[in-house]
């Protein structure tokens, strides 16, 4: 259960970072895409734990 809470915090932090980078550099910038992939990995990990 604690791991779920930690992953939720990580997801929120990565989401905020992604939004900031996307606003600054645009959604097609490599930095934005990299952050998006990082967020995807964490979300997938969270989903795996839920099932």
PDB file of N, CA and C in Angstrom:
ATOM      1  N   UNK A   1       0.824  -1.199   0.000  1.00  0.00           N
ATOM      2  CA  UNK A   1       0.000   0.000   0.000  1.00  0.00           C
ATOM      3  C   UNK A   1       0.861   1.253   0.000  1.00  0.00           C
ATOM      4  N   UNK A   2       1.919   1.221   0.776  1.00  0.00           N
ATOM      5  CA  UNK A   2       2.811   2.377   0.858  1.00  0.00           C
ATOM      6  C   UNK A   2       3.465   2.644  -0.493  1.00  0.00           C
ATOM      7  N   UNK A   3       3.793   1.560  -1.203  1.00  0.00           N
ATOM      8  CA  UNK A   3       4.418   1.707  -2.517  1.00  0.00           C
ATOM      9  C   UNK A   3       3.479   2.423  -3.489  1.00  0.00           C
ATOM     10  N   UNK A   4       2.174   2.133  -3.394  1.00  0.00           N
ATOM     11  CA  UNK A   4       1.186   2.817  -4.239  1.00  0.00           C
ATOM     12  C   UNK A   4       1.196   4.316  -3.973  1.00  0.00           C
ATOM     13  N   UNK A   5       1.238   4.697  -2.715  1.00  0.00           N
ATOM     14  CA  UNK A   5       1.241   6.118  -2.357  1.00  0.00           C
ATOM     15  C   UNK A   5       2.502   6.804  -2.878  1.00  0.00           C
ATOM     16  N   UNK A   6       3.634   6.117  -2.786  1.00  0.00           N
ATOM     17  CA  UNK A   6       4.885   6.684  -3.277  1.00  0.00           C
ATOM     18  C   UNK A   6       4.850   6.842  -4.791  1.00  0.00           C
ATOM     19  N   UNK A   7       4.293   5.852  -5.472  1.00  0.00           N
ATOM     20  CA  UNK A   7       4.181   5.947  -6.921  1.00  0.00           C
ATOM     21  C   UNK A   7       3.236   7.075  -7.330  1.00  0.00           C
ATOM     22  N   UNK A   8       2.162   7.256  -6.586  1.00  0.00           N
ATOM     23  CA  UNK A   8       1.240   8.360  -6.888  1.00  0.00           C
ATOM     24  C   UNK A   8       1.948   9.700  -6.769  1.00  0.00           C
ATOM     25  N   UNK A   9       2.802   9.849  -5.756  1.00  0.00           N
ATOM     26  CA  UNK A   9       3.563  11.084  -5.593  1.00  0.00           C
ATOM     27  C   UNK A   9       4.536  11.278  -6.749  1.00  0.00           C
ATOM     28  N   UNK A  10       5.211  10.195  -7.144  1.00  0.00           N
ATOM     29  CA  UNK A  10       6.138  10.275  -8.266  1.00  0.00           C
ATOM     30  C   UNK A  10       5.406  10.665  -9.544  1.00  0.00           C
ATOM     31  N   UNK A  11       4.240  10.067  -9.746  1.00  0.00           N
ATOM     32  CA  UNK A  11       3.441  10.364 -10.937  1.00  0.00           C
ATOM     33  C   UNK A  11       3.087  11.844 -10.967  1.00  0.00           C
ATOM     34  N   UNK A  12       2.639  12.356  -9.845  1.00  0.00           N
ATOM     35  CA  UNK A  12       2.247  13.771  -9.799  1.00  0.00           C
ATOM     36  C   UNK A  12       3.439  14.693 -10.060  1.00  0.00           C
ATOM     37  N   UNK A  13       4.595  14.386  -9.480  1.00  0.00           N
ATOM     38  CA  UNK A  13       5.787  15.206  -9.705  1.00  0.00           C
ATOM     39  C   UNK A  13       6.211  15.169 -11.166  1.00  0.00           C
ATOM     40  N   UNK A  14       6.220  13.979 -11.758  1.00  0.00           N
ATOM     41  CA  UNK A  14       6.598  13.853 -13.172  1.00  0.00           C
ATOM     42  C   UNK A  14       5.591  14.560 -14.067  1.00  0.00           C
ATOM     43  N   UNK A  15       4.316  14.483 -13.716  1.00  0.00           N
ATOM     44  CA  UNK A  15       3.274  15.140 -14.508  1.00  0.00           C
ATOM     45  C   UNK A  15       3.473  16.645 -14.492  1.00  0.00           C
ATOM     46  N   UNK A  16       3.762  17.184 -13.328  1.00  0.00           N
ATOM     47  CA  UNK A  16       4.003  18.624 -13.218  1.00  0.00           C
ATOM     48  C   UNK A  16       5.238  19.038 -14.006  1.00  0.00           C
ATOM     49  N   UNK A  17       6.297  18.248 -13.899  1.00  0.00           N
ATOM     50  CA  UNK A  17       7.527  18.542 -14.644  1.00  0.00           C
ATOM     51  C   UNK A  17       7.261  18.475 -16.146  1.00  0.00           C
ATOM     52  N   UNK A  18       6.512  17.481 -16.564  1.00  0.00           N
ATOM     53  CA  UNK A  18       6.168  17.343 -17.977  1.00  0.00           C
ATOM     54  C   UNK A  18       5.396  18.561 -18.477  1.00  0.00           C
ATOM     55  N   UNK A  19       4.423  18.995 -17.705  1.00  0.00           N
ATOM     56  CA  UNK A  19       3.641  20.168 -18.109  1.00  0.00           C
ATOM     57  C   UNK A  19       4.503  21.418 -18.229  1.00  0.00           C
ATOM     58  N   UNK A  20       5.413  21.610 -17.303  1.00  0.00           N
ATOM     59  CA  UNK A  20       6.298  22.776 -17.348  1.00  0.00           C
ATOM     60  C   UNK A  20       7.204  22.740 -18.580  1.00  0.00           C
ATOM     61  N   UNK A  21       7.767  21.587 -18.855  1.00  0.00           N
ATOM     62  CA  UNK A  21       8.660  21.459 -20.009  1.00  0.00           C
ATOM     63  C   UNK A  21       7.882  21.639 -21.306  1.00  0.00           C
ATOM     64  N   UNK A  22       6.680  21.060 -21.367  1.00  0.00           N
ATOM     65  CA  UNK A  22       5.856  21.186 -22.578  1.00  0.00           C
ATOM     66  C   UNK A  22       5.487  22.646 -22.831  1.00  0.00           C
ATOM     67  N   UNK A  23       5.164  23.369 -21.780  1.00  0.00           N
ATOM     68  CA  UNK A  23       4.834  24.793 -21.942  1.00  0.00           C
ATOM     69  C   UNK A  23       6.042  25.588 -22.416  1.00  0.00           C
ATOM     70  N   UNK A  24       7.208  25.238 -21.914  1.00  0.00           N
ATOM     71  CA  UNK A  24       8.417  25.996 -22.234  1.00  0.00           C
ATOM     72  C   UNK A  24       8.966  25.663 -23.628  1.00  0.00           C
ATOM     73  N   UNK A  25       8.973  24.363 -23.973  1.00  0.00           N
ATOM     74  CA  UNK A  25       9.648  23.937 -25.196  1.00  0.00           C
ATOM     75  C   UNK A  25       8.710  23.400 -26.279  1.00  0.00           C
ATOM     76  N   UNK A  26       7.458  23.160 -25.919  1.00  0.00           N
ATOM     77  CA  UNK A  26       6.516  22.608 -26.890  1.00  0.00           C
ATOM     78  C   UNK A  26       6.377  21.098 -26.737  1.00  0.00           C
ATOM     79  N   UNK A  27       5.277  20.584 -27.214  1.00  0.00           N
ATOM     80  CA  UNK A  27       4.976  19.164 -26.994  1.00  0.00           C
ATOM     81  C   UNK A  27       5.804  18.228 -27.863  1.00  0.00           C
ATOM     82  N   UNK A  28       6.409  18.714 -28.925  1.00  0.00           N
ATOM     83  CA  UNK A  28       7.193  17.847 -29.810  1.00  0.00           C
ATOM     84  C   UNK A  28       8.696  17.892 -29.525  1.00  0.00           C
ATOM     85  N   UNK A  29       9.099  18.700 -28.560  1.00  0.00           N
ATOM     86  CA  UNK A  29      10.509  18.795 -28.189  1.00  0.00           C
ATOM     87  C   UNK A  29      10.974  17.482 -27.556  1.00  0.00           C
ATOM     88  N   UNK A  30      12.215  17.109 -27.813  1.00  0.00           N
ATOM     89  CA  UNK A  30      12.762  15.860 -27.289  1.00  0.00           C
ATOM     90  C   UNK A  30      12.745  15.801 -25.762  1.00  0.00           C
ATOM     91  N   UNK A  31      12.958  16.937 -25.110  1.00  0.00           N
ATOM     92  CA  UNK A  31      12.923  16.960 -23.637  1.00  0.00           C
ATOM     93  C   UNK A  31      11.526  16.640 -23.129  1.00  0.00           C
ATOM     94  N   UNK A  32      10.520  17.136 -23.813  1.00  0.00           N
ATOM     95  CA  UNK A  32       9.133  16.856 -23.436  1.00  0.00           C
ATOM     96  C   UNK A  32       8.813  15.384 -23.655  1.00  0.00           C
ATOM     97  N   UNK A  33       9.228  14.875 -24.792  1.00  0.00           N
ATOM     98  CA  UNK A  33       8.956  13.466 -25.102  1.00  0.00           C
ATOM     99  C   UNK A  33       9.649  12.534 -24.116  1.00  0.00           C
ATOM    100  N   UNK A  34      10.861  12.894 -23.709  1.00  0.00           N
ATOM    101  CA  UNK A  34      11.586  12.070 -22.731  1.00  0.00           C
ATOM    102  C   UNK A  34      10.850  12.049 -21.385  1.00  0.00           C
ATOM    103  N   UNK A  35      10.404  13.214 -20.940  1.00  0.00           N
ATOM    104  CA  UNK A  35       9.649  13.279 -19.676  1.00  0.00           C
ATOM    105  C   UNK A  35       8.343  12.494 -19.787  1.00  0.00           C
ATOM    106  N   UNK A  36       7.718  12.555 -20.944  1.00  0.00           N
ATOM    107  CA  UNK A  36       6.481  11.818 -21.161  1.00  0.00           C
ATOM    108  C   UNK A  36       6.729  10.311 -21.054  1.00  0.00           C
ATOM    109  N   UNK A  37       7.829   9.848 -21.625  1.00  0.00           N
ATOM    110  CA  UNK A  37       8.178   8.425 -21.535  1.00  0.00           C
ATOM    111  C   UNK A  37       8.469   8.023 -20.086  1.00  0.00           C
ATOM    112  N   UNK A  38       9.138   8.900 -19.348  1.00  0.00           N
ATOM    113  CA  UNK A  38       9.413   8.622 -17.932  1.00  0.00           C
ATOM    114  C   UNK A  38       8.099   8.497 -17.160  1.00  0.00           C
ATOM    115  N   UNK A  39       7.177   9.407 -17.434  1.00  0.00           N
ATOM    116  CA  UNK A  39       5.871   9.358 -16.775  1.00  0.00           C
ATOM    117  C   UNK A  39       5.135   8.077 -17.154  1.00  0.00           C
ATOM    118  N   UNK A  40       5.182   7.707 -18.411  1.00  0.00           N
ATOM    119  CA  UNK A  40       4.535   6.472 -18.865  1.00  0.00           C
ATOM    120  C   UNK A  40       5.048   5.254 -18.099  1.00  0.00           C
ATOM    121  N   UNK A  41       6.366   5.193 -17.907  1.00  0.00           N
ATOM    122  CA  UNK A  41       6.950   4.047 -17.185  1.00  0.00           C
ATOM    123  C   UNK A  41       6.418   3.969 -15.752  1.00  0.00           C
ATOM    124  N   UNK A  42       6.342   5.107 -15.092  1.00  0.00           N
ATOM    125  CA  UNK A  42       5.858   5.117 -13.709  1.00  0.00           C
ATOM    126  C   UNK A  42       4.377   4.751 -13.658  1.00  0.00           C
ATOM    127  N   UNK A  43       3.596   5.275 -14.577  1.00  0.00           N
ATOM    128  CA  UNK A  43       2.164   4.945 -14.626  1.00  0.00           C
ATOM    129  C   UNK A  43       1.986   3.449 -14.882  1.00  0.00           C
ATOM    130  N   UNK A  44       2.762   2.891 -15.799  1.00  0.00           N
ATOM    131  CA  UNK A  44       2.666   1.457 -16.066  1.00  0.00           C
ATOM    132  C   UNK A  44       3.033   0.632 -14.839  1.00  0.00           C
ATOM    133  N   UNK A  45       4.045   1.067 -14.120  1.00  0.00           N
ATOM    134  CA  UNK A  45       4.441   0.387 -12.884  1.00  0.00           C
ATOM    135  C   UNK A  45       3.291   0.433 -11.871  1.00  0.00           C
ATOM    136  N   UNK A  46       2.663   1.583 -11.757  1.00  0.00           N
ATOM    137  CA  UNK A  46       1.528   1.740 -10.839  1.00  0.00           C
ATOM    138  C   UNK A  46       0.380   0.799 -11.234  1.00  0.00           C
ATOM    139  N   UNK A  47       0.080   0.736 -12.502  1.00  0.00           N
ATOM    140  CA  UNK A  47      -0.994  -0.131 -12.984  1.00  0.00           C
ATOM    141  C   UNK A  47      -0.667  -1.597 -12.701  1.00  0.00           C
ATOM    142  N   UNK A  48       0.578  -1.979 -12.893  1.00  0.00           N
ATOM    143  CA  UNK A  48       0.995  -3.356 -12.626  1.00  0.00           C
ATOM    144  C   UNK A  48       0.757  -3.718 -11.145  1.00  0.00           C
ATOM    145  N   UNK A  49       1.051  -2.792 -10.259  1.00  0.00           N
ATOM    146  CA  UNK A  49       0.864  -3.049  -8.826  1.00  0.00           C
ATOM    147  C   UNK A  49      -0.612  -3.160  -8.448  1.00  0.00           C
ATOM    148  N   UNK A  50      -1.459  -2.456  -9.183  1.00  0.00           N
ATOM    149  CA  UNK A  50      -2.892  -2.471  -8.873  1.00  0.00           C
ATOM    150  C   UNK A  50      -3.536  -3.794  -9.262  1.00  0.00           C
ATOM    151  N   UNK A  51      -2.938  -4.515 -10.214  1.00  0.00           N
ATOM    152  CA  UNK A  51      -3.538  -5.772 -10.687  1.00  0.00           C
ATOM    153  C   UNK A  51      -2.827  -6.974 -10.155  1.00  0.00           C
TER     154      UNK A  51
END
